[in-house]
N, C-alpha and C. Protein backbone atom coordinates (compact mmCIF):
# COMPACT_ATOMS: atom_id res chain seq x y z
N UNK A 1 291.03 157.20 139.87
CA UNK A 1 291.30 156.44 138.12
C UNK A 1 291.55 155.12 138.08
N UNK A 2 290.61 154.78 137.50
CA UNK A 2 290.61 153.29 137.33
C UNK A 2 290.52 152.47 135.81
N UNK A 3 291.41 151.68 135.87
CA UNK A 3 292.36 151.39 134.14
C UNK A 3 291.79 150.38 133.87
N UNK A 4 291.24 149.88 132.52
CA UNK A 4 291.13 149.00 132.42
C UNK A 4 292.05 148.01 130.99
N UNK A 5 292.51 147.32 130.96
CA UNK A 5 293.22 146.58 129.75
C UNK A 5 294.33 146.09 130.33
N UNK A 6 295.01 145.67 129.55
CA UNK A 6 296.74 145.02 130.01
C UNK A 6 297.72 145.74 130.18
N UNK A 7 298.64 145.71 130.52
CA UNK A 7 299.83 146.62 130.90
C UNK A 7 300.56 145.81 129.37
N UNK A 8 301.69 146.54 128.96
CA UNK A 8 302.87 145.59 128.08
C UNK A 8 303.24 144.67 128.85
N UNK A 9 304.01 144.63 129.82
CA UNK A 9 304.61 143.51 130.79
C UNK A 9 303.44 142.19 130.84
N UNK A 10 302.11 142.40 130.88
CA UNK A 10 301.31 141.33 131.51
C UNK A 10 301.42 140.82 129.86
N UNK A 11 301.20 141.68 128.78
CA UNK A 11 300.86 140.89 128.21
C UNK A 11 302.51 140.56 126.76
N UNK A 12 303.32 140.77 127.70
CA UNK A 12 304.61 140.05 127.16
C UNK A 12 305.14 138.88 127.83
N UNK A 13 304.76 138.62 128.99
CA UNK A 13 304.28 137.42 130.00
C UNK A 13 303.48 136.54 129.38
N UNK A 14 302.33 136.86 128.82
CA UNK A 14 301.44 136.40 128.60
C UNK A 14 302.06 134.87 127.28
N UNK A 15 302.55 136.01 126.38
CA UNK A 15 302.97 135.57 125.01
C UNK A 15 304.34 134.96 125.50
N UNK A 16 305.25 135.32 126.14
CA UNK A 16 306.07 133.45 126.57
C UNK A 16 305.23 132.49 127.40
N UNK A 17 304.63 132.27 128.20
CA UNK A 17 304.20 131.76 128.72
C UNK A 17 303.63 130.81 127.89
N UNK A 18 302.78 131.53 126.88
CA UNK A 18 301.84 130.60 125.50
C UNK A 18 303.07 129.80 124.89
N UNK A 19 304.13 130.38 124.47
CA UNK A 19 305.06 130.22 123.38
C UNK A 19 305.34 129.23 124.17
N UNK A 20 305.86 128.69 125.72
CA UNK A 20 306.64 127.58 126.37
C UNK A 20 305.28 126.51 126.20
N UNK A 21 304.28 126.79 127.06
CA UNK A 21 303.48 125.48 126.35
C UNK A 21 303.12 125.08 125.12
N UNK A 22 302.59 126.15 123.67
CA UNK A 22 302.74 125.66 122.70
C UNK A 22 304.24 124.64 122.14
N UNK A 23 305.45 125.26 122.70
CA UNK A 23 306.99 124.30 122.13
C UNK A 23 306.43 123.15 122.89
N UNK A 24 306.41 123.02 123.90
CA UNK A 24 306.31 121.84 124.76
C UNK A 24 305.03 121.03 123.99
N UNK A 25 304.05 121.53 123.50
CA UNK A 25 302.87 120.01 123.15
C UNK A 25 303.46 119.74 121.53
N UNK A 26 304.54 120.92 120.91
CA UNK A 26 305.00 120.29 119.74
C UNK A 26 305.82 119.56 119.70
N UNK A 27 306.68 119.55 121.04
CA UNK A 27 307.71 118.59 120.99
C UNK A 27 307.18 116.85 121.12
N UNK A 28 305.64 116.70 122.40
CA UNK A 28 305.41 115.87 122.27
C UNK A 28 304.93 115.42 120.67
N UNK A 29 304.40 115.92 119.81
CA UNK A 29 304.16 115.58 118.88
C UNK A 29 305.55 115.31 118.25
N UNK A 30 306.38 115.96 118.10
CA UNK A 30 307.58 115.07 116.88
C UNK A 30 307.85 113.90 117.35
N UNK A 31 308.04 114.13 118.93
CA UNK A 31 308.54 112.70 119.70
C UNK A 31 307.64 111.70 119.12
N UNK A 32 306.35 111.79 119.01
CA UNK A 32 305.45 110.33 118.64
C UNK A 32 305.77 110.02 116.92
N UNK A 33 305.73 110.78 116.62
CA UNK A 33 305.84 110.56 115.03
C UNK A 33 307.14 110.15 114.61
N UNK A 34 307.92 110.34 115.63
CA UNK A 34 309.87 109.69 115.09
C UNK A 34 309.61 108.19 115.32
N UNK A 35 308.76 107.77 116.70
CA UNK A 35 308.69 106.31 117.89
C UNK A 35 307.34 105.94 117.35
N UNK A 36 306.59 106.29 115.74
CA UNK A 36 305.34 105.36 116.06
C UNK A 36 306.03 104.26 114.99
N UNK A 37 307.37 104.59 113.70
CA UNK A 37 307.26 103.51 113.07
C UNK A 37 307.93 102.23 114.18
N UNK A 38 308.71 102.32 114.74
CA UNK A 38 309.31 101.37 115.63
C UNK A 38 307.98 100.95 116.07
N UNK A 39 307.13 101.64 116.45
CA UNK A 39 305.98 100.93 117.54
C UNK A 39 305.10 99.86 116.61
N UNK A 40 305.47 100.56 115.18
CA UNK A 40 303.94 99.51 114.49
C UNK A 40 304.99 98.45 114.14
N UNK A 41 306.71 98.88 114.27
CA UNK A 41 307.26 97.22 113.71
C UNK A 41 306.49 95.93 114.76
N UNK A 42 307.12 96.61 116.29
CA UNK A 42 306.74 95.70 117.02
C UNK A 42 305.49 95.07 117.19
N UNK A 43 304.69 96.15 116.79
CA UNK A 43 303.07 95.19 116.88
C UNK A 43 302.69 94.26 115.38
N UNK A 44 303.60 94.78 114.43
CA UNK A 44 303.36 93.50 113.57
C UNK A 44 304.30 92.37 113.51
N UNK A 45 305.55 92.40 114.45
CA UNK A 45 306.13 91.44 114.23
C UNK A 45 305.86 90.57 115.89
N UNK A 46 304.79 90.93 116.37
CA UNK A 46 304.25 90.66 117.52
C UNK A 46 303.06 89.55 117.35
N UNK A 47 302.33 90.67 116.35
CA UNK A 47 300.89 90.08 115.66
C UNK A 47 301.18 88.29 114.75
N UNK A 48 302.51 89.02 113.73
CA UNK A 48 303.23 87.60 112.64
C UNK A 48 303.60 86.36 113.75
N UNK A 49 304.58 86.53 114.29
CA UNK A 49 305.16 85.27 115.77
C UNK A 49 303.71 84.72 116.64
N UNK A 50 302.56 85.72 116.74
CA UNK A 50 301.63 84.84 117.65
C UNK A 50 300.85 84.18 116.65
N UNK A 51 300.78 84.31 115.18
CA UNK A 51 299.65 83.90 114.28
C UNK A 51 300.19 82.74 113.76
N UNK A 52 302.03 82.67 113.41
CA UNK A 52 302.56 82.01 113.45
C UNK A 52 303.00 80.99 114.56
N UNK A 53 303.03 81.12 115.86
CA UNK A 53 302.69 80.21 117.03
C UNK A 53 301.34 79.51 117.15
N UNK A 54 300.65 79.93 116.76
CA UNK A 54 299.06 79.40 116.96
C UNK A 54 298.85 78.41 115.26
N UNK A 55 299.29 78.97 114.78
CA UNK A 55 299.41 77.77 113.28
C UNK A 55 300.42 76.52 113.74
N UNK A 56 301.45 76.72 114.64
CA UNK A 56 302.48 75.25 114.59
C UNK A 56 301.22 74.99 115.89
N UNK A 57 300.77 75.57 116.38
CA UNK A 57 300.81 74.64 117.92
C UNK A 57 299.41 73.97 117.65
N UNK A 58 298.62 74.41 116.47
CA UNK A 58 297.50 73.59 116.30
C UNK A 58 297.65 72.22 114.99
N UNK A 59 299.20 72.15 115.03
CA UNK A 59 299.71 70.96 113.86
C UNK A 59 299.43 69.63 114.55
N UNK A 60 299.26 68.59 114.13
CA UNK A 60 299.47 67.16 114.84
C UNK A 60 301.56 67.25 115.96
N UNK A 61 301.73 66.60 117.17
CA UNK A 61 302.19 66.96 117.75
C UNK A 61 303.59 66.59 116.82
N UNK A 62 303.65 65.21 116.33
CA UNK A 62 304.67 64.80 115.72
C UNK A 62 305.41 65.39 114.08
N UNK A 63 304.48 66.20 113.73
CA UNK A 63 305.02 67.22 112.59
C UNK A 63 305.18 68.75 112.97
N UNK A 64 305.56 68.87 114.86
CA UNK A 64 306.29 69.76 115.15
C UNK A 64 307.74 69.99 115.01
N UNK A 65 308.26 70.80 113.80
CA UNK A 65 309.63 70.76 113.67
C UNK A 65 309.92 71.93 113.87
N UNK A 66 311.53 72.27 113.66
CA UNK A 66 312.65 73.68 113.64
C UNK A 66 311.82 73.73 111.84
N UNK A 67 312.41 75.10 111.94
CA UNK A 67 311.92 75.38 110.18
C UNK A 67 312.81 76.72 110.88
N UNK A 68 314.05 76.43 109.57
CA UNK A 68 315.00 78.15 109.27
C UNK A 68 314.44 79.23 108.92
N UNK A 69 315.59 80.15 108.66
CA UNK A 69 314.92 81.37 108.34
C UNK A 69 314.24 81.50 107.12
N UNK A 70 313.01 81.59 106.87
CA UNK A 70 311.88 82.07 106.21
C UNK A 70 311.20 83.27 105.80
N UNK A 71 310.71 84.00 104.66
CA UNK A 71 310.25 85.84 104.46
C UNK A 71 308.62 84.89 104.63
N UNK A 72 308.24 86.13 105.13
CA UNK A 72 306.58 86.44 104.99
C UNK A 72 306.83 86.66 103.82
N UNK A 73 305.10 85.97 103.25
CA UNK A 73 305.01 86.59 102.14
C UNK A 73 304.03 87.63 101.76
N UNK A 74 303.77 88.46 101.15
CA UNK A 74 303.07 89.29 100.56
C UNK A 74 303.35 90.79 101.70
N UNK A 75 302.30 91.20 102.08
CA UNK A 75 302.58 92.32 102.72
C UNK A 75 303.38 92.81 103.67
N UNK A 76 304.12 91.32 104.36
CA UNK A 76 304.95 91.32 105.24
C UNK A 76 306.32 90.30 104.90
N UNK A 77 306.59 91.05 103.60
CA UNK A 77 307.50 90.60 102.85
C UNK A 77 308.98 90.82 103.60
N UNK A 78 308.66 91.79 104.61
CA UNK A 78 310.46 92.76 104.71
C UNK A 78 310.55 91.83 106.29
N UNK A 79 309.83 91.21 107.13
CA UNK A 79 309.86 90.12 108.27
C UNK A 79 310.09 88.37 107.92
N UNK A 80 311.03 88.32 109.09
CA UNK A 80 311.51 86.45 108.53
C UNK A 80 310.66 85.95 109.90
N UNK A 81 310.82 84.63 109.87
CA UNK A 81 310.52 84.13 111.08
C UNK A 81 311.37 82.82 110.68
N UNK A 82 312.03 82.38 111.51
CA UNK A 82 312.37 81.09 112.21
C UNK A 82 311.65 79.78 112.96
N UNK A 83 312.14 78.95 113.81
CA UNK A 83 311.33 78.53 114.58
C UNK A 83 311.96 77.22 115.15
N UNK A 84 312.44 77.10 116.62
CA UNK A 84 312.69 76.08 117.12
C UNK A 84 312.07 75.38 118.34
N UNK A 85 312.28 73.38 118.09
CA UNK A 85 311.01 73.20 118.49
C UNK A 85 312.02 72.40 119.16
N UNK A 86 312.06 71.60 120.13
CA UNK A 86 312.77 70.63 120.98
C UNK A 86 311.74 70.41 122.04
N UNK A 87 312.14 69.23 122.06
CA UNK A 87 311.52 68.02 123.31
C UNK A 87 312.32 68.45 124.82
N UNK A 88 311.18 68.33 125.61
CA UNK A 88 311.90 68.92 127.02
C UNK A 88 310.95 68.02 127.83
N UNK A 89 311.64 67.56 129.18
CA UNK A 89 311.21 66.91 130.34
C UNK A 89 310.31 67.97 131.40
N UNK A 90 309.08 66.60 131.65
CA UNK A 90 308.07 67.19 131.98
C UNK A 90 308.88 67.68 133.60
N UNK A 91 309.25 67.37 134.02
CA UNK A 91 309.81 67.59 135.32
C UNK A 91 310.66 69.38 134.73
N UNK A 92 311.84 69.14 134.34
CA UNK A 92 312.65 70.75 133.64
C UNK A 92 312.03 71.04 132.56
N UNK A 93 311.04 71.62 132.18
CA UNK A 93 310.79 72.12 131.15
C UNK A 93 311.55 72.85 130.14
N UNK A 94 312.69 74.02 131.27
CA UNK A 94 313.64 74.50 130.62
C UNK A 94 315.19 73.85 129.91
N UNK A 95 315.19 72.50 130.14
CA UNK A 95 316.20 71.62 129.61
C UNK A 95 315.64 70.98 128.49
N UNK A 96 316.27 71.09 127.36
CA UNK A 96 316.24 70.04 126.17
C UNK A 96 316.29 68.80 126.46
N UNK A 97 315.55 68.14 126.33
CA UNK A 97 315.47 66.71 126.62
C UNK A 97 316.25 65.56 124.93
N UNK A 98 316.99 65.19 125.17
CA UNK A 98 317.95 64.59 124.23
C UNK A 98 316.95 62.74 123.70
N UNK A 99 316.26 62.79 124.27
CA UNK A 99 315.10 61.38 123.87
C UNK A 99 313.81 62.38 123.73
N UNK A 100 312.94 61.43 123.15
CA UNK A 100 311.28 62.03 123.03
C UNK A 100 310.69 62.25 124.02
N UNK A 101 309.38 63.25 124.11
CA UNK A 101 308.78 63.14 125.52
C UNK A 101 307.81 63.32 125.31
N UNK A 102 306.67 63.99 125.77
CA UNK A 102 305.48 64.20 125.65
C UNK A 102 305.43 65.92 125.59
N UNK A 103 306.64 66.54 125.61
CA UNK A 103 306.39 67.65 125.86
C UNK A 103 307.09 67.90 124.43
N UNK A 104 307.16 69.49 123.69
CA UNK A 104 307.65 70.04 123.32
C UNK A 104 307.56 71.72 123.52
N UNK A 105 308.92 72.56 123.82
CA UNK A 105 309.03 73.77 123.92
C UNK A 105 308.80 74.74 122.45
N UNK A 106 308.09 75.22 122.02
CA UNK A 106 308.13 75.77 120.64
C UNK A 106 308.33 77.12 120.80
N UNK A 107 309.66 77.70 120.35
CA UNK A 107 309.78 79.18 120.32
C UNK A 107 309.97 79.50 118.45
N UNK A 108 309.03 81.07 118.52
CA UNK A 108 309.21 81.46 117.42
C UNK A 108 309.89 82.96 117.49
N UNK A 109 310.90 83.06 116.38
CA UNK A 109 311.31 84.75 116.41
C UNK A 109 311.31 84.91 115.10
N UNK A 110 310.87 85.85 115.44
CA UNK A 110 310.24 86.99 114.01
C UNK A 110 311.48 88.52 113.78
N UNK A 111 312.14 88.59 112.60
CA UNK A 111 313.04 89.99 112.99
C UNK A 111 312.50 90.39 111.56
N UNK A 112 312.56 91.46 111.60
CA UNK A 112 313.00 92.84 110.25
C UNK A 112 314.38 93.68 110.78
N UNK A 113 314.74 94.22 109.48
CA UNK A 113 315.34 95.42 109.57
C UNK A 113 315.31 96.87 110.38
N UNK A 114 313.69 97.04 110.72
CA UNK A 114 313.68 97.95 111.44
C UNK A 114 313.93 98.12 112.71
N UNK A 115 313.58 96.19 113.15
CA UNK A 115 313.30 95.89 114.93
C UNK A 115 314.15 95.51 114.97
N UNK A 116 314.82 94.91 114.29
CA UNK A 116 315.46 93.51 115.40
C UNK A 116 314.72 92.18 115.39
N UNK A 117 315.02 91.74 116.00
CA UNK A 117 314.45 89.97 116.33
C UNK A 117 313.19 90.43 117.83
N UNK A 118 312.13 89.75 117.47
CA UNK A 118 311.21 89.00 118.83
C UNK A 118 311.14 87.44 118.83
N UNK A 119 310.72 87.28 119.65
CA UNK A 119 310.88 85.92 120.35
C UNK A 119 309.45 85.92 121.42
N UNK A 120 308.17 84.93 120.82
CA UNK A 120 307.89 84.03 121.49
C UNK A 120 307.44 82.71 122.05
N UNK A 121 306.90 82.17 122.31
CA UNK A 121 307.57 80.36 123.05
C UNK A 121 305.88 80.12 123.93
N UNK A 122 306.07 78.89 123.68
CA UNK A 122 304.99 78.33 124.49
C UNK A 122 305.82 76.49 124.96
N UNK A 123 304.65 76.14 125.07
CA UNK A 123 304.85 74.22 125.73
C UNK A 123 303.79 74.02 124.87
N UNK A 124 303.78 73.13 124.05
CA UNK A 124 302.64 71.94 123.91
C UNK A 124 303.43 70.54 124.21
N UNK A 125 302.02 69.82 124.36
CA UNK A 125 301.91 68.01 125.16
C UNK A 125 301.51 67.70 123.88
N UNK A 126 301.79 66.48 124.10
CA UNK A 126 301.00 65.31 123.33
C UNK A 126 299.79 64.47 123.94
N UNK A 127 298.50 65.19 123.10
CA UNK A 127 297.56 64.66 123.71
C UNK A 127 296.81 63.24 123.58
N UNK A 128 297.71 62.65 122.58
CA UNK A 128 297.62 61.04 122.39
C UNK A 128 298.10 60.33 123.16
N UNK A 129 299.00 61.00 124.23
CA UNK A 129 300.25 60.00 125.03
C UNK A 129 298.57 60.16 126.63
């Protein structure tokens, strides 16, 4: 005699396996929701830092100076930035030079309450020399 259909044990096993899969997928979505605001803050901070660095790099070499902690305007008022600009020697770009040279190391720091601080930097040279 041939029986069609599922036994009770097969149904219970299918429900248990399906429950484990559903809980695993839900756990992934829950973790994504908790991490999303931090990822957004990192992305925004990186964008603001890059834009500020580009703005400073486009200035006249002699007008590139350090700037104290300042808030961004508008929608980004929760973010602050500061700029460090220092002369460096062409041989040792990691060491600050006490005398003016043709190179400046620019560091832009962007901070927010939700993220902390993020730094981007670049080296610029005086094209007139």
